[in-house]
Amino acid sequence: MKLKNYLIVVKDIEKSRKYYQDLFGLEMLQDNDGNMILSDGLVLQEEKYWRTFLGKDVIPQNNACELYFEESDIEGFARKLETLYPETEYVNKLMTHSWGQRVVRFYDPDGNLIEVGTPM
């Protein structure tokens, strides 16, 4: 068995597709009307469908998990994030951990937590 995809819930699937393409270069592989598969295994699921499947409300910014990306040009990424999405809500702007890794943590427009760090 292998892990195939990971799914996040979004309000506006086209807005989210653009966001993940702009910042991370992810491309749409398949569009299933409310469920979109992007490259690197990320699946976007529209909130209205997810709520129907679960029968429960979606809780944005629940901080229960994060998407983690690595980027060697972390300063360039931080500038791109600030330029393209100045309204970004940060957990922490670019910082350096005690072990030397540089990271930035923030929420996507739907409250999904993202971390971008330098390779370890």
N, C-alpha and C. Protein backbone atom coordinates (compact mmCIF):
# COMPACT_ATOMS: atom_id res chain seq x y z
N MET A 1 0.84 -1.16 0.00
CA MET A 1 0.00 0.00 0.00
C MET A 1 0.89 1.23 0.00
N LYS A 2 0.41 2.31 -0.65
CA LYS A 2 1.16 3.57 -0.63
C LYS A 2 0.19 4.74 -0.52
N LEU A 3 0.67 5.80 0.05
CA LEU A 3 -0.12 7.03 0.13
C LEU A 3 -0.18 7.64 -1.27
N LYS A 4 -1.36 7.89 -1.75
CA LYS A 4 -1.55 8.35 -3.13
C LYS A 4 -1.72 9.86 -3.21
N ASN A 5 -2.59 10.43 -2.39
CA ASN A 5 -2.89 11.85 -2.44
C ASN A 5 -3.12 12.39 -1.05
N TYR A 6 -3.17 13.69 -0.95
CA TYR A 6 -3.61 14.35 0.27
C TYR A 6 -4.58 15.44 -0.17
N LEU A 7 -5.64 15.61 0.58
CA LEU A 7 -6.77 16.44 0.20
C LEU A 7 -6.92 17.59 1.19
N ILE A 8 -7.16 18.78 0.65
CA ILE A 8 -7.51 19.93 1.48
C ILE A 8 -8.83 20.48 1.01
N VAL A 9 -9.56 21.09 1.92
CA VAL A 9 -10.87 21.65 1.63
C VAL A 9 -10.72 23.13 1.31
N VAL A 10 -11.40 23.56 0.24
CA VAL A 10 -11.32 24.95 -0.21
C VAL A 10 -12.72 25.46 -0.55
N LYS A 11 -12.88 26.76 -0.42
CA LYS A 11 -14.19 27.36 -0.75
C LYS A 11 -14.36 27.57 -2.25
N ASP A 12 -13.32 28.07 -2.90
CA ASP A 12 -13.35 28.41 -4.33
C ASP A 12 -12.23 27.63 -5.02
N ILE A 13 -12.57 26.57 -5.72
CA ILE A 13 -11.57 25.66 -6.27
C ILE A 13 -10.69 26.34 -7.32
N GLU A 14 -11.23 27.22 -8.13
CA GLU A 14 -10.43 27.91 -9.15
C GLU A 14 -9.46 28.90 -8.51
N LYS A 15 -9.90 29.61 -7.51
CA LYS A 15 -9.02 30.53 -6.77
C LYS A 15 -7.87 29.74 -6.12
N SER A 16 -8.19 28.60 -5.55
CA SER A 16 -7.17 27.77 -4.91
C SER A 16 -6.23 27.15 -5.92
N ARG A 17 -6.75 26.72 -7.06
CA ARG A 17 -5.89 26.18 -8.12
C ARG A 17 -4.85 27.21 -8.53
N LYS A 18 -5.30 28.45 -8.73
CA LYS A 18 -4.40 29.55 -9.12
C LYS A 18 -3.37 29.81 -8.02
N TYR A 19 -3.80 29.82 -6.78
CA TYR A 19 -2.92 30.06 -5.64
C TYR A 19 -1.78 29.04 -5.61
N TYR A 20 -2.12 27.76 -5.70
CA TYR A 20 -1.11 26.71 -5.63
C TYR A 20 -0.25 26.65 -6.89
N GLN A 21 -0.78 27.10 -8.00
CA GLN A 21 0.04 27.19 -9.21
C GLN A 21 0.99 28.39 -9.10
N ASP A 22 0.47 29.54 -8.70
CA ASP A 22 1.30 30.75 -8.57
C ASP A 22 2.47 30.55 -7.63
N LEU A 23 2.21 30.00 -6.45
CA LEU A 23 3.24 29.91 -5.41
C LEU A 23 4.11 28.67 -5.51
N PHE A 24 3.54 27.55 -5.91
CA PHE A 24 4.27 26.28 -5.83
C PHE A 24 4.45 25.58 -7.17
N GLY A 25 3.90 26.17 -8.24
CA GLY A 25 4.05 25.58 -9.56
C GLY A 25 3.25 24.32 -9.79
N LEU A 26 2.26 24.04 -8.93
CA LEU A 26 1.45 22.83 -9.09
C LEU A 26 0.49 23.01 -10.27
N GLU A 27 0.35 22.00 -11.05
CA GLU A 27 -0.51 22.03 -12.24
C GLU A 27 -1.72 21.13 -12.05
N MET A 28 -2.83 21.52 -12.65
CA MET A 28 -4.03 20.69 -12.60
C MET A 28 -3.83 19.46 -13.48
N LEU A 29 -4.08 18.30 -12.92
CA LEU A 29 -4.01 17.05 -13.67
C LEU A 29 -5.39 16.55 -14.06
N GLN A 30 -6.37 16.79 -13.17
CA GLN A 30 -7.72 16.30 -13.42
C GLN A 30 -8.72 17.17 -12.69
N ASP A 31 -9.81 17.50 -13.36
CA ASP A 31 -10.88 18.30 -12.75
C ASP A 31 -12.16 17.47 -12.76
N ASN A 32 -12.63 17.13 -11.56
CA ASN A 32 -13.83 16.30 -11.42
C ASN A 32 -14.98 17.09 -10.82
N ASP A 33 -15.17 18.33 -11.25
CA ASP A 33 -16.30 19.14 -10.79
C ASP A 33 -16.40 19.17 -9.27
N GLY A 34 -15.55 19.97 -8.67
CA GLY A 34 -15.55 20.11 -7.21
C GLY A 34 -14.48 19.31 -6.52
N ASN A 35 -13.75 18.52 -7.28
CA ASN A 35 -12.64 17.73 -6.77
C ASN A 35 -11.56 17.80 -7.84
N MET A 36 -10.45 18.47 -7.52
CA MET A 36 -9.41 18.72 -8.52
C MET A 36 -8.09 18.12 -8.03
N ILE A 37 -7.47 17.34 -8.89
CA ILE A 37 -6.17 16.74 -8.57
C ILE A 37 -5.09 17.60 -9.21
N LEU A 38 -4.15 18.04 -8.37
CA LEU A 38 -3.00 18.82 -8.83
C LEU A 38 -1.76 17.93 -8.82
N SER A 39 -0.73 18.39 -9.48
CA SER A 39 0.54 17.65 -9.48
C SER A 39 1.06 17.54 -8.05
N ASP A 40 1.97 16.62 -7.84
CA ASP A 40 2.57 16.33 -6.53
C ASP A 40 1.58 15.78 -5.51
N GLY A 41 0.40 15.34 -5.98
CA GLY A 41 -0.52 14.63 -5.10
C GLY A 41 -1.51 15.47 -4.31
N LEU A 42 -1.53 16.78 -4.54
CA LEU A 42 -2.48 17.62 -3.80
C LEU A 42 -3.85 17.58 -4.47
N VAL A 43 -4.88 17.33 -3.67
CA VAL A 43 -6.25 17.32 -4.16
C VAL A 43 -7.00 18.45 -3.47
N LEU A 44 -7.71 19.23 -4.27
CA LEU A 44 -8.57 20.30 -3.75
C LEU A 44 -10.00 19.80 -3.80
N GLN A 45 -10.70 19.92 -2.68
CA GLN A 45 -12.10 19.49 -2.58
C GLN A 45 -12.93 20.69 -2.17
N GLU A 46 -13.96 21.02 -2.95
CA GLU A 46 -14.81 22.16 -2.58
C GLU A 46 -15.53 21.87 -1.28
N GLU A 47 -15.59 22.89 -0.45
CA GLU A 47 -16.15 22.77 0.90
C GLU A 47 -17.57 22.23 0.90
N LYS A 48 -18.40 22.66 -0.04
CA LYS A 48 -19.80 22.22 -0.03
C LYS A 48 -19.90 20.70 -0.19
N TYR A 49 -19.03 20.10 -1.00
CA TYR A 49 -19.06 18.65 -1.17
C TYR A 49 -18.51 17.94 0.07
N TRP A 50 -17.43 18.47 0.61
CA TRP A 50 -16.81 17.86 1.79
C TRP A 50 -17.79 17.87 2.96
N ARG A 51 -18.48 18.99 3.15
CA ARG A 51 -19.46 19.10 4.23
C ARG A 51 -20.57 18.06 4.04
N THR A 52 -20.99 17.86 2.79
CA THR A 52 -22.02 16.86 2.50
C THR A 52 -21.50 15.45 2.80
N PHE A 53 -20.28 15.14 2.38
CA PHE A 53 -19.71 13.82 2.62
C PHE A 53 -19.60 13.52 4.11
N LEU A 54 -19.12 14.50 4.88
CA LEU A 54 -18.89 14.28 6.31
C LEU A 54 -20.12 14.49 7.17
N GLY A 55 -21.02 15.36 6.70
CA GLY A 55 -22.16 15.72 7.53
C GLY A 55 -21.75 16.60 8.70
N LYS A 56 -20.62 17.28 8.57
CA LYS A 56 -20.10 18.15 9.62
C LYS A 56 -19.54 19.42 9.01
N ASP A 57 -19.39 20.45 9.84
CA ASP A 57 -18.80 21.70 9.39
C ASP A 57 -17.30 21.56 9.22
N VAL A 58 -16.75 22.36 8.33
CA VAL A 58 -15.31 22.46 8.12
C VAL A 58 -14.78 23.53 9.07
N ILE A 59 -13.68 23.25 9.73
CA ILE A 59 -13.11 24.20 10.69
C ILE A 59 -11.79 24.73 10.13
N PRO A 60 -11.80 25.95 9.53
CA PRO A 60 -10.55 26.50 9.01
C PRO A 60 -9.60 26.86 10.14
N GLN A 61 -8.33 26.89 9.83
CA GLN A 61 -7.27 27.21 10.78
C GLN A 61 -7.34 26.33 12.03
N ASN A 62 -7.61 25.06 11.83
CA ASN A 62 -7.68 24.15 12.99
C ASN A 62 -6.30 23.71 13.46
N ASN A 63 -5.26 24.00 12.67
CA ASN A 63 -3.87 23.75 13.06
C ASN A 63 -3.60 22.28 13.38
N ALA A 64 -4.36 21.37 12.79
CA ALA A 64 -4.18 19.95 13.05
C ALA A 64 -3.17 19.31 12.09
N CYS A 65 -2.87 19.97 10.99
CA CYS A 65 -1.89 19.46 10.04
C CYS A 65 -1.38 20.63 9.19
N GLU A 66 -0.35 20.37 8.42
CA GLU A 66 0.16 21.41 7.52
C GLU A 66 0.68 20.77 6.25
N LEU A 67 0.69 21.56 5.19
CA LEU A 67 1.37 21.17 3.96
C LEU A 67 2.79 21.69 4.09
N TYR A 68 3.77 20.85 3.80
CA TYR A 68 5.17 21.23 3.95
C TYR A 68 5.86 21.17 2.59
N PHE A 69 6.48 22.28 2.22
CA PHE A 69 7.23 22.38 0.98
C PHE A 69 8.67 22.76 1.32
N GLU A 70 9.61 22.33 0.49
CA GLU A 70 10.99 22.76 0.65
C GLU A 70 11.39 23.64 -0.53
N GLU A 71 12.18 24.68 -0.23
CA GLU A 71 12.61 25.64 -1.23
C GLU A 71 13.99 26.15 -0.85
N SER A 72 14.97 25.96 -1.73
CA SER A 72 16.32 26.42 -1.41
C SER A 72 16.42 27.95 -1.47
N ASP A 73 15.66 28.60 -2.35
CA ASP A 73 15.65 30.07 -2.42
C ASP A 73 14.50 30.59 -1.56
N ILE A 74 14.64 30.45 -0.26
CA ILE A 74 13.56 30.80 0.66
C ILE A 74 13.29 32.31 0.67
N GLU A 75 14.33 33.12 0.51
CA GLU A 75 14.12 34.57 0.47
C GLU A 75 13.31 34.96 -0.76
N GLY A 76 13.63 34.33 -1.90
CA GLY A 76 12.87 34.58 -3.13
C GLY A 76 11.42 34.16 -2.98
N PHE A 77 11.20 33.02 -2.34
CA PHE A 77 9.83 32.56 -2.12
C PHE A 77 9.08 33.54 -1.22
N ALA A 78 9.71 34.00 -0.14
CA ALA A 78 9.06 34.94 0.78
C ALA A 78 8.69 36.22 0.06
N ARG A 79 9.56 36.70 -0.82
CA ARG A 79 9.24 37.91 -1.60
C ARG A 79 8.07 37.65 -2.54
N LYS A 80 8.07 36.49 -3.20
CA LYS A 80 6.97 36.15 -4.11
C LYS A 80 5.65 36.08 -3.36
N LEU A 81 5.65 35.46 -2.20
CA LEU A 81 4.44 35.36 -1.38
C LEU A 81 3.93 36.75 -1.01
N GLU A 82 4.81 37.61 -0.55
CA GLU A 82 4.41 38.97 -0.16
C GLU A 82 3.92 39.78 -1.35
N THR A 83 4.53 39.58 -2.51
CA THR A 83 4.15 40.33 -3.71
C THR A 83 2.81 39.86 -4.28
N LEU A 84 2.68 38.53 -4.45
CA LEU A 84 1.47 37.99 -5.07
C LEU A 84 0.27 37.95 -4.13
N TYR A 85 0.53 37.72 -2.84
CA TYR A 85 -0.56 37.56 -1.88
C TYR A 85 -0.26 38.36 -0.61
N PRO A 86 -0.30 39.70 -0.72
CA PRO A 86 0.05 40.55 0.43
C PRO A 86 -0.92 40.41 1.60
N GLU A 87 -2.09 39.87 1.36
CA GLU A 87 -3.09 39.70 2.43
C GLU A 87 -2.85 38.43 3.25
N THR A 88 -1.78 37.71 2.97
CA THR A 88 -1.48 36.45 3.65
C THR A 88 -1.44 36.62 5.16
N GLU A 89 -2.07 35.68 5.86
CA GLU A 89 -2.01 35.64 7.32
C GLU A 89 -0.88 34.69 7.71
N TYR A 90 0.09 35.22 8.43
CA TYR A 90 1.28 34.45 8.80
C TYR A 90 1.15 33.87 10.20
N VAL A 91 1.70 32.68 10.37
CA VAL A 91 1.97 32.14 11.70
C VAL A 91 3.32 32.69 12.12
N ASN A 92 4.29 32.61 11.22
CA ASN A 92 5.56 33.32 11.41
C ASN A 92 6.13 33.67 10.05
N LYS A 93 6.62 34.89 9.95
CA LYS A 93 7.34 35.29 8.74
C LYS A 93 8.68 34.56 8.75
N LEU A 94 9.47 34.78 7.74
CA LEU A 94 10.73 34.07 7.58
C LEU A 94 11.57 34.15 8.85
N MET A 95 11.95 32.97 9.35
CA MET A 95 12.72 32.87 10.59
C MET A 95 13.72 31.72 10.45
N THR A 96 14.66 31.67 11.38
CA THR A 96 15.65 30.61 11.39
C THR A 96 15.52 29.83 12.69
N HIS A 97 15.32 28.51 12.57
CA HIS A 97 15.26 27.65 13.74
C HIS A 97 16.66 27.49 14.34
N SER A 98 16.73 27.02 15.57
CA SER A 98 18.01 26.82 16.25
C SER A 98 18.91 25.83 15.51
N TRP A 99 18.33 24.90 14.73
CA TRP A 99 19.11 23.92 13.98
C TRP A 99 19.52 24.43 12.60
N GLY A 100 19.19 25.71 12.30
CA GLY A 100 19.66 26.34 11.08
C GLY A 100 18.68 26.38 9.92
N GLN A 101 17.60 25.66 10.00
CA GLN A 101 16.63 25.67 8.90
C GLN A 101 15.85 26.97 8.91
N ARG A 102 15.67 27.56 7.73
CA ARG A 102 14.87 28.78 7.59
C ARG A 102 13.49 28.37 7.11
N VAL A 103 12.46 28.94 7.74
CA VAL A 103 11.07 28.58 7.42
C VAL A 103 10.16 29.79 7.47
N VAL A 104 9.06 29.68 6.77
CA VAL A 104 7.95 30.62 6.86
C VAL A 104 6.69 29.78 6.96
N ARG A 105 5.77 30.18 7.86
CA ARG A 105 4.49 29.46 8.02
C ARG A 105 3.36 30.45 7.84
N PHE A 106 2.33 30.00 7.14
CA PHE A 106 1.21 30.89 6.82
C PHE A 106 -0.01 30.05 6.46
N TYR A 107 -1.14 30.72 6.35
CA TYR A 107 -2.38 30.06 5.95
C TYR A 107 -2.70 30.38 4.50
N ASP A 108 -3.20 29.40 3.78
CA ASP A 108 -3.72 29.68 2.45
C ASP A 108 -5.05 30.41 2.61
N PRO A 109 -5.68 30.85 1.53
CA PRO A 109 -6.92 31.63 1.65
C PRO A 109 -8.06 30.90 2.37
N ASP A 110 -7.96 29.58 2.52
CA ASP A 110 -9.01 28.80 3.18
C ASP A 110 -8.63 28.35 4.59
N GLY A 111 -7.50 28.84 5.08
CA GLY A 111 -7.10 28.51 6.45
C GLY A 111 -6.32 27.22 6.58
N ASN A 112 -5.84 26.67 5.46
CA ASN A 112 -4.97 25.50 5.52
C ASN A 112 -3.55 25.96 5.82
N LEU A 113 -2.92 25.35 6.81
CA LEU A 113 -1.60 25.74 7.25
C LEU A 113 -0.53 25.22 6.29
N ILE A 114 0.40 26.11 5.94
CA ILE A 114 1.49 25.77 5.02
C ILE A 114 2.81 26.17 5.66
N GLU A 115 3.80 25.32 5.51
CA GLU A 115 5.17 25.65 5.91
C GLU A 115 6.06 25.48 4.69
N VAL A 116 6.92 26.47 4.47
CA VAL A 116 7.94 26.36 3.43
C VAL A 116 9.27 26.53 4.13
N GLY A 117 10.15 25.55 3.95
CA GLY A 117 11.45 25.58 4.63
C GLY A 117 12.58 25.24 3.68
N THR A 118 13.77 25.60 4.09
CA THR A 118 14.94 25.22 3.31
C THR A 118 15.19 23.72 3.49
N PRO A 119 15.76 23.08 2.48
CA PRO A 119 16.03 21.64 2.61
C PRO A 119 16.94 21.35 3.79
N MET A 120 16.69 20.22 4.42
CA MET A 120 17.51 19.81 5.57
C MET A 120 18.57 18.82 5.15
